[in-house]
């Protein structure tokens, strides 16, 4: 009886109806697609037939290997060709960065081993710098009187 009394004050949106699962929200249902959307399109979407490449895009096309010379590039090129060239260049650039990172790591390992042979370490270098700074500080204080 108390539930019925309290149910009167609840807004209709929040009330639970009989025979309906309270976990299902009917307000958020998606409309079924219309028949025009179900049928495949007979014509492809409209696209610009050609794109006049800029100087940078011409360079990208050359570096990616799509054309041999600047003169071989036509006046208009499809956007897909330019995108493919940019993707190829991104991949090549990432490979170059990977190679440079590995090369840098190898160089640092070699320099570290050479420093060990010379009995150098970061601790000894820092201690030498601090000792030198202390000497300079004592010389400056003694020279100021």
Protein backbone atom coordinates (compact mmCIF):
# COMPACT_ATOMS: atom_id res chain seq x y z
CA UNK A 1 0.00 0.00 0.00
CA UNK A 2 2.89 2.35 0.82
CA UNK A 3 4.45 1.62 -2.57
CA UNK A 4 1.21 2.59 -4.31
CA UNK A 5 1.04 5.83 -2.34
CA UNK A 6 4.65 6.68 -3.16
CA UNK A 7 4.14 5.64 -6.78
CA UNK A 8 1.66 8.45 -7.29
CA UNK A 9 4.34 11.07 -6.67
CA UNK A 10 6.89 9.52 -9.06
CA UNK A 11 7.05 11.16 -12.51
CA UNK A 12 5.68 9.03 -15.36
CA UNK A 13 9.12 8.74 -16.92
CA UNK A 14 10.50 6.99 -13.83
CA UNK A 15 7.51 4.73 -13.11
CA UNK A 16 7.89 1.02 -13.75
CA UNK A 17 5.10 -0.34 -15.89
CA UNK A 18 3.72 -3.85 -15.42
CA UNK A 19 5.29 -6.55 -17.56
CA UNK A 20 8.32 -4.45 -18.59
CA UNK A 21 11.84 -5.15 -17.43
CA UNK A 22 13.06 -2.05 -15.51
CA UNK A 23 16.57 -2.48 -16.94
CA UNK A 24 15.35 -1.82 -20.48
CA UNK A 25 15.03 1.83 -21.34
CA UNK A 26 12.55 2.37 -24.15
CA UNK A 27 13.55 6.00 -24.50
CA UNK A 28 16.95 5.12 -25.96
CA UNK A 29 15.79 2.74 -28.67
CA UNK A 30 17.22 3.26 -32.11
CA UNK A 31 14.82 3.69 -34.98
CA UNK A 32 14.93 0.90 -37.57
CA UNK A 33 16.72 1.92 -40.76
CA UNK A 34 14.57 3.08 -43.60
CA UNK A 35 14.33 1.05 -46.77
CA UNK A 36 16.33 3.60 -48.71
CA UNK A 37 19.27 3.00 -46.39
CA UNK A 38 19.01 -0.78 -46.66
CA UNK A 39 19.45 -0.84 -50.43
CA UNK A 40 23.03 -0.50 -51.70
CA UNK A 41 23.78 2.60 -53.65
CA UNK A 42 24.01 2.15 -57.38
CA UNK A 43 26.39 5.08 -57.82
CA UNK A 44 29.59 5.70 -55.87
CA UNK A 45 29.71 8.89 -53.79
CA UNK A 46 30.73 12.01 -55.67
CA UNK A 47 34.42 12.74 -55.59
CA UNK A 48 36.60 15.36 -57.13
CA UNK A 49 38.06 13.76 -60.28
CA UNK A 50 41.50 15.24 -59.76
CA UNK A 51 43.58 17.31 -57.42
CA UNK A 52 46.30 19.69 -58.51
CA UNK A 53 49.29 18.76 -56.32
CA UNK A 54 51.27 21.44 -54.53
CA UNK A 55 55.07 21.56 -54.62
CA UNK A 56 55.30 19.59 -51.36
CA UNK A 57 52.87 16.97 -52.59
CA UNK A 58 54.95 16.62 -55.74
CA UNK A 59 58.01 16.02 -53.57
CA UNK A 60 56.08 13.43 -51.57
CA UNK A 61 55.10 11.65 -54.77
CA UNK A 62 58.73 11.61 -55.91
CA UNK A 63 60.16 10.47 -52.55
CA UNK A 64 57.54 7.74 -52.24
CA UNK A 65 58.54 6.42 -55.65
CA UNK A 66 55.24 6.96 -57.44
CA UNK A 67 56.98 8.97 -60.18
CA UNK A 68 60.58 9.10 -61.37
CA UNK A 69 60.85 12.79 -62.29
CA UNK A 70 58.96 15.99 -61.59
CA UNK A 71 58.05 16.20 -65.27
CA UNK A 72 56.30 12.80 -65.07
CA UNK A 73 53.74 14.07 -62.54
CA UNK A 74 50.47 14.96 -64.32
CA UNK A 75 48.57 18.20 -63.74
CA UNK A 76 45.88 16.45 -61.71
CA UNK A 77 46.44 13.50 -59.41
CA UNK A 78 43.86 11.58 -57.42
CA UNK A 79 43.72 12.28 -53.71
CA UNK A 80 44.11 8.55 -53.02
CA UNK A 81 47.50 8.62 -54.77
CA UNK A 82 48.66 11.52 -52.60
CA UNK A 83 47.41 9.79 -49.46
CA UNK A 84 49.20 6.59 -50.46
CA UNK A 85 52.43 8.54 -51.00
CA UNK A 86 52.12 10.21 -47.58
CA UNK A 87 51.47 6.85 -45.93
CA UNK A 88 54.51 5.36 -47.64
CA UNK A 89 56.63 8.27 -46.45
CA UNK A 90 55.33 7.89 -42.87
CA UNK A 91 56.36 4.23 -42.89
CA UNK A 92 59.79 5.01 -44.36
CA UNK A 93 60.30 7.80 -41.80
CA UNK A 94 59.36 5.51 -38.92
CA UNK A 95 61.80 2.85 -40.15
CA UNK A 96 64.54 5.49 -40.37
CA UNK A 97 63.79 6.65 -36.81
CA UNK A 98 63.92 3.05 -35.56
CA UNK A 99 67.28 2.54 -37.27
CA UNK A 100 68.68 5.81 -35.85
CA UNK A 101 67.49 4.88 -32.35
CA UNK A 102 69.19 1.49 -32.52
CA UNK A 103 72.36 3.10 -33.90
CA UNK A 104 72.34 5.66 -31.08
CA UNK A 105 71.97 2.90 -28.48
CA UNK A 106 74.90 0.97 -29.95
CA UNK A 107 77.07 4.13 -29.95
CA UNK A 108 76.20 4.83 -26.29
CA UNK A 109 77.10 1.28 -25.30
CA UNK A 110 80.48 1.57 -27.07
CA UNK A 111 81.23 4.95 -25.44
CA UNK A 112 80.24 3.56 -22.05
CA UNK A 113 82.64 0.64 -22.41
CA UNK A 114 85.44 3.01 -23.44
CA UNK A 115 84.75 5.16 -20.38
CA UNK A 116 84.97 2.09 -18.14
CA UNK A 117 88.39 1.29 -19.63
CA UNK A 118 89.52 4.84 -18.78
CA UNK A 119 88.09 4.37 -15.26
CA UNK A 120 85.59 7.17 -15.74
CA UNK A 121 82.16 7.19 -14.19
CA UNK A 122 79.49 9.79 -13.61
CA UNK A 123 80.25 9.76 -9.90
CA UNK A 124 83.95 10.47 -10.37
CA UNK A 125 83.26 13.22 -12.92
CA UNK A 126 80.74 14.88 -10.59
CA UNK A 127 83.10 14.67 -7.62
CA UNK A 128 85.89 16.27 -9.68
CA UNK A 129 83.59 19.13 -10.79
CA UNK A 130 82.46 19.78 -7.22
CA UNK A 131 86.05 19.78 -5.96
CA UNK A 132 86.98 22.26 -8.69
CA UNK A 133 84.01 24.50 -7.79
CA UNK A 134 85.03 24.42 -4.12
CA UNK A 135 88.58 25.44 -5.00
CA UNK A 136 87.30 28.33 -7.12
CA UNK A 137 84.96 29.40 -4.33
CA UNK A 138 87.75 29.37 -1.75
CA UNK A 139 90.05 31.30 -4.11
CA UNK A 140 87.32 33.93 -4.69
CA UNK A 141 86.66 34.35 -0.97
CA UNK A 142 90.36 34.63 -0.14
CA UNK A 143 91.01 37.13 -2.99
CA UNK A 144 88.20 39.52 -1.91
CA UNK A 145 89.48 40.84 1.46
